[in-house]
Amino acid sequence: MPRATRNEALSDLSMQVFRLTARLNQLADRLSRQAGLSSARWQVLGTLERAGQALSVAEIARRMGLQRQSVQRTADALETEGFLSYVPNPRHRRAKLAELTTQGHAALGQMQELRDEWSDTVKQDLKLRELQQAKATLAQLSSMLENEN
């Protein structure tokens, strides 16, 4: 493929990802409100759940590709509202670990139900193979961009 065409294709993909991100954030905000969360709070709790263990805020931020300070504000609000708790970190005295509380697990369970209901309406139009290929392409691009920094 000629260089100009690859550049245009990458630019088009980037613009589509920006549009998709905006739409997904709108959807996530709408769904998460029903569980008493915001999309940012859902993402932090979901990152903890996927990790399967307590994480420092810096670790959560790295996994989300965000700045630690913004994740810290969200995690602190989640802790205040009882969705997560901070526990001592044996590897670092000052950087406590965040872990899900019973309330956090319950909110994520509700979010999973809401997400699954929405997903059922979308999956009729997208094949699993197409979704897996899109994920692989985006993961590869993300990895390349991370290596530039």
C-alpha atoms as a PDB file:
ATOM      1  CA  MET A   1       0.000   0.000   0.000  1.00  0.00           C
ATOM      2  CA  PRO A   2       1.463   3.413  -0.897  1.00  0.00           C
ATOM      3  CA  ARG A   3       2.686   5.508   2.015  1.00  0.00           C
ATOM      4  CA  ALA A   4       0.107   8.291   1.484  1.00  0.00           C
ATOM      5  CA  THR A   5      -2.693   5.734   1.515  1.00  0.00           C
ATOM      6  CA  ARG A   6      -1.408   4.157   4.770  1.00  0.00           C
ATOM      7  CA  ASN A   7      -1.132   7.606   6.333  1.00  0.00           C
ATOM      8  CA  GLU A   8      -4.669   8.436   5.287  1.00  0.00           C
ATOM      9  CA  ALA A   9      -5.929   5.080   6.567  1.00  0.00           C
ATOM     10  CA  LEU A  10      -4.239   5.641   9.933  1.00  0.00           C
ATOM     11  CA  SER A  11      -5.673   9.146  10.118  1.00  0.00           C
ATOM     12  CA  ASP A  12      -9.147   7.839   9.270  1.00  0.00           C
ATOM     13  CA  LEU A  13      -8.816   5.112  11.898  1.00  0.00           C
ATOM     14  CA  SER A  14      -7.731   7.663  14.496  1.00  0.00           C
ATOM     15  CA  MET A  15     -10.722   9.862  13.772  1.00  0.00           C
ATOM     16  CA  GLN A  16     -13.057   6.872  13.984  1.00  0.00           C
ATOM     17  CA  VAL A  17     -11.537   5.871  17.342  1.00  0.00           C
ATOM     18  CA  PHE A  18     -12.093   9.407  18.649  1.00  0.00           C
ATOM     19  CA  ARG A  19     -15.751   9.281  17.570  1.00  0.00           C
ATOM     20  CA  LEU A  20     -16.182   5.798  19.025  1.00  0.00           C
ATOM     21  CA  THR A  21     -14.584   6.860  22.314  1.00  0.00           C
ATOM     22  CA  ALA A  22     -16.997   9.779  22.614  1.00  0.00           C
ATOM     23  CA  ARG A  23     -19.996   7.526  21.910  1.00  0.00           C
ATOM     24  CA  LEU A  24     -18.813   4.829  24.312  1.00  0.00           C
ATOM     25  CA  ASN A  25     -18.266   7.423  27.043  1.00  0.00           C
ATOM     26  CA  GLN A  26     -21.797   8.742  26.517  1.00  0.00           C
ATOM     27  CA  LEU A  27     -23.181   5.215  26.688  1.00  0.00           C
ATOM     28  CA  ALA A  28     -21.081   4.370  29.745  1.00  0.00           C
ATOM     29  CA  ASP A  29     -22.270   7.512  31.539  1.00  0.00           C
ATOM     30  CA  ARG A  30     -25.897   6.665  30.762  1.00  0.00           C
ATOM     31  CA  LEU A  31     -25.560   3.056  31.933  1.00  0.00           C
ATOM     32  CA  SER A  32     -23.414   3.787  34.977  1.00  0.00           C
ATOM     33  CA  ARG A  33     -25.824   6.423  36.319  1.00  0.00           C
ATOM     34  CA  GLN A  34     -28.310   3.598  36.841  1.00  0.00           C
ATOM     35  CA  ALA A  35     -25.828   1.966  39.241  1.00  0.00           C
ATOM     36  CA  GLY A  36     -24.963   5.204  41.054  1.00  0.00           C
ATOM     37  CA  LEU A  37     -21.632   5.597  39.259  1.00  0.00           C
ATOM     38  CA  SER A  38     -20.037   7.621  36.487  1.00  0.00           C
ATOM     39  CA  SER A  39     -18.166   6.083  33.581  1.00  0.00           C
ATOM     40  CA  ALA A  40     -14.849   7.140  35.154  1.00  0.00           C
ATOM     41  CA  ARG A  41     -15.760   5.414  38.420  1.00  0.00           C
ATOM     42  CA  TRP A  42     -16.952   2.328  36.542  1.00  0.00           C
ATOM     43  CA  GLN A  43     -13.626   2.167  34.720  1.00  0.00           C
ATOM     44  CA  VAL A  44     -11.609   2.343  37.938  1.00  0.00           C
ATOM     45  CA  LEU A  45     -13.736  -0.345  39.603  1.00  0.00           C
ATOM     46  CA  GLY A  46     -13.620  -2.475  36.456  1.00  0.00           C
ATOM     47  CA  THR A  47      -9.835  -2.204  36.297  1.00  0.00           C
ATOM     48  CA  LEU A  48      -9.628  -3.445  39.890  1.00  0.00           C
ATOM     49  CA  GLU A  49     -12.015  -6.290  39.164  1.00  0.00           C
ATOM     50  CA  ARG A  50     -10.112  -7.409  36.068  1.00  0.00           C
ATOM     51  CA  ALA A  51      -6.843  -7.340  37.998  1.00  0.00           C
ATOM     52  CA  GLY A  52      -8.275  -9.768  40.520  1.00  0.00           C
ATOM     53  CA  GLN A  53      -6.192  -8.189  43.269  1.00  0.00           C
ATOM     54  CA  ALA A  54      -5.665  -4.923  45.110  1.00  0.00           C
ATOM     55  CA  LEU A  55      -3.691  -2.340  43.114  1.00  0.00           C
ATOM     56  CA  SER A  56      -2.064   0.981  43.871  1.00  0.00           C
ATOM     57  CA  VAL A  57      -3.626   4.009  42.228  1.00  0.00           C
ATOM     58  CA  ALA A  58      -0.506   4.330  40.061  1.00  0.00           C
ATOM     59  CA  GLU A  59      -0.995   0.738  38.848  1.00  0.00           C
ATOM     60  CA  ILE A  60      -4.668   1.410  38.084  1.00  0.00           C
ATOM     61  CA  ALA A  61      -3.714   4.556  36.153  1.00  0.00           C
ATOM     62  CA  ARG A  62      -1.088   2.686  34.108  1.00  0.00           C
ATOM     63  CA  ARG A  63      -3.564  -0.038  33.197  1.00  0.00           C
ATOM     64  CA  MET A  64      -6.111   2.592  32.155  1.00  0.00           C
ATOM     65  CA  GLY A  65      -3.564   4.732  30.286  1.00  0.00           C
ATOM     66  CA  LEU A  66      -4.375   7.773  32.435  1.00  0.00           C
ATOM     67  CA  GLN A  67      -2.561  10.157  34.752  1.00  0.00           C
ATOM     68  CA  ARG A  68      -2.255   9.009  38.362  1.00  0.00           C
ATOM     69  CA  GLN A  69      -3.659  12.292  39.701  1.00  0.00           C
ATOM     70  CA  SER A  70      -6.994  11.974  37.892  1.00  0.00           C
ATOM     71  CA  VAL A  71      -7.362   8.343  38.948  1.00  0.00           C
ATOM     72  CA  GLN A  72      -6.470   9.329  42.530  1.00  0.00           C
ATOM     73  CA  ARG A  73      -9.381  11.804  42.655  1.00  0.00           C
ATOM     74  CA  THR A  74     -11.776   9.178  41.321  1.00  0.00           C
ATOM     75  CA  ALA A  75     -10.470   6.467  43.668  1.00  0.00           C
ATOM     76  CA  ASP A  76     -10.733   8.807  46.660  1.00  0.00           C
ATOM     77  CA  ALA A  77     -14.371   9.545  45.795  1.00  0.00           C
ATOM     78  CA  LEU A  78     -15.062   5.816  45.404  1.00  0.00           C
ATOM     79  CA  GLU A  79     -13.480   5.188  48.793  1.00  0.00           C
ATOM     80  CA  THR A  80     -15.538   7.959  50.423  1.00  0.00           C
ATOM     81  CA  GLU A  81     -18.725   6.454  48.983  1.00  0.00           C
ATOM     82  CA  GLY A  82     -17.818   2.902  50.030  1.00  0.00           C
ATOM     83  CA  PHE A  83     -17.138   1.304  46.626  1.00  0.00           C
ATOM     84  CA  LEU A  84     -13.484   0.607  47.409  1.00  0.00           C
ATOM     85  CA  SER A  85     -11.208   0.674  50.411  1.00  0.00           C
ATOM     86  CA  TYR A  86      -7.536   1.383  50.871  1.00  0.00           C
ATOM     87  CA  VAL A  87      -5.349  -1.221  52.541  1.00  0.00           C
ATOM     88  CA  PRO A  88      -1.641  -1.152  53.478  1.00  0.00           C
ATOM     89  CA  ASN A  89       0.804  -1.920  50.694  1.00  0.00           C
ATOM     90  CA  PRO A  90       3.601  -4.247  51.834  1.00  0.00           C
ATOM     91  CA  ARG A  91       5.793  -3.037  48.938  1.00  0.00           C
ATOM     92  CA  HIS A  92       5.393   0.695  49.562  1.00  0.00           C
ATOM     93  CA  ARG A  93       4.524   2.391  52.822  1.00  0.00           C
ATOM     94  CA  ARG A  94       2.895   5.513  51.341  1.00  0.00           C
ATOM     95  CA  ALA A  95       1.178   4.072  48.236  1.00  0.00           C
ATOM     96  CA  LYS A  96      -1.788   2.195  49.663  1.00  0.00           C
ATOM     97  CA  LEU A  97      -3.584  -0.468  47.679  1.00  0.00           C
ATOM     98  CA  ALA A  98      -7.178  -0.078  46.530  1.00  0.00           C
ATOM     99  CA  GLU A  99      -9.515  -3.052  46.731  1.00  0.00           C
ATOM    100  CA  LEU A 100     -13.183  -3.530  45.928  1.00  0.00           C
ATOM    101  CA  THR A 101     -15.688  -3.567  48.763  1.00  0.00           C
ATOM    102  CA  THR A 102     -18.913  -5.560  48.812  1.00  0.00           C
ATOM    103  CA  GLN A 103     -20.673  -2.420  47.587  1.00  0.00           C
ATOM    104  CA  GLY A 104     -18.141  -2.096  44.741  1.00  0.00           C
ATOM    105  CA  HIS A 105     -18.672  -5.710  43.679  1.00  0.00           C
ATOM    106  CA  ALA A 106     -22.448  -5.201  43.772  1.00  0.00           C
ATOM    107  CA  ALA A 107     -22.234  -2.067  41.607  1.00  0.00           C
ATOM    108  CA  LEU A 108     -20.054  -3.913  39.094  1.00  0.00           C
ATOM    109  CA  GLY A 109     -22.550  -6.783  39.033  1.00  0.00           C
ATOM    110  CA  GLN A 110     -25.309  -4.321  38.217  1.00  0.00           C
ATOM    111  CA  MET A 111     -23.102  -2.699  35.571  1.00  0.00           C
ATOM    112  CA  GLN A 112     -22.436  -6.082  33.987  1.00  0.00           C
ATOM    113  CA  GLU A 113     -26.171  -6.734  33.697  1.00  0.00           C
ATOM    114  CA  LEU A 114     -26.755  -3.319  32.121  1.00  0.00           C
ATOM    115  CA  ARG A 115     -23.802  -3.756  29.770  1.00  0.00           C
ATOM    116  CA  ASP A 116     -24.964  -7.238  28.759  1.00  0.00           C
ATOM    117  CA  GLU A 117     -28.461  -5.937  27.959  1.00  0.00           C
ATOM    118  CA  TRP A 118     -26.965  -3.250  25.745  1.00  0.00           C
ATOM    119  CA  SER A 119     -24.492  -5.694  24.205  1.00  0.00           C
ATOM    120  CA  ASP A 120     -27.309  -8.060  23.232  1.00  0.00           C
ATOM    121  CA  THR A 121     -28.742  -5.340  21.007  1.00  0.00           C
ATOM    122  CA  VAL A 122     -25.389  -4.681  19.287  1.00  0.00           C
ATOM    123  CA  LYS A 123     -24.016  -8.175  18.820  1.00  0.00           C
ATOM    124  CA  GLN A 124     -26.622  -9.015  16.204  1.00  0.00           C
ATOM    125  CA  ASP A 125     -24.815  -6.701  13.783  1.00  0.00           C
ATOM    126  CA  LEU A 126     -21.200  -7.580  14.629  1.00  0.00           C
ATOM    127  CA  LYS A 127     -19.591 -10.995  14.381  1.00  0.00           C
ATOM    128  CA  LEU A 128     -17.276 -12.199  17.154  1.00  0.00           C
ATOM    129  CA  ARG A 129     -14.415 -12.556  14.655  1.00  0.00           C
ATOM    130  CA  GLU A 130     -14.841  -8.915  13.573  1.00  0.00           C
ATOM    131  CA  LEU A 131     -14.768  -7.710  17.164  1.00  0.00           C
ATOM    132  CA  GLN A 132     -11.679  -9.790  17.934  1.00  0.00           C
ATOM    133  CA  GLN A 133      -9.862  -8.469  14.858  1.00  0.00           C
ATOM    134  CA  ALA A 134     -10.754  -4.873  15.715  1.00  0.00           C
ATOM    135  CA  LYS A 135      -9.503  -5.395  19.269  1.00  0.00           C
ATOM    136  CA  ALA A 136      -6.253  -6.935  18.008  1.00  0.00           C
ATOM    137  CA  THR A 137      -5.640  -4.056  15.603  1.00  0.00           C
ATOM    138  CA  LEU A 138      -6.336  -1.425  18.259  1.00  0.00           C
ATOM    139  CA  ALA A 139      -4.154  -3.261  20.799  1.00  0.00           C
ATOM    140  CA  GLN A 140      -1.288  -3.401  18.289  1.00  0.00           C
ATOM    141  CA  LEU A 141      -1.617   0.305  17.527  1.00  0.00           C
ATOM    142  CA  SER A 142      -1.828   1.124  21.230  1.00  0.00           C
ATOM    143  CA  SER A 143       1.302  -0.897  21.946  1.00  0.00           C
ATOM    144  CA  MET A 144       3.199   0.882  19.172  1.00  0.00           C
ATOM    145  CA  LEU A 145       2.180   4.279  20.542  1.00  0.00           C
ATOM    146  CA  GLU A 146       3.144   3.308  24.102  1.00  0.00           C
ATOM    147  CA  ASN A 147       6.595   2.299  22.884  1.00  0.00           C
ATOM    148  CA  GLU A 148       7.111   5.764  21.366  1.00  0.00           C
ATOM    149  CA  ASN A 149       7.066   7.374  24.831  1.00  0.00           C
END
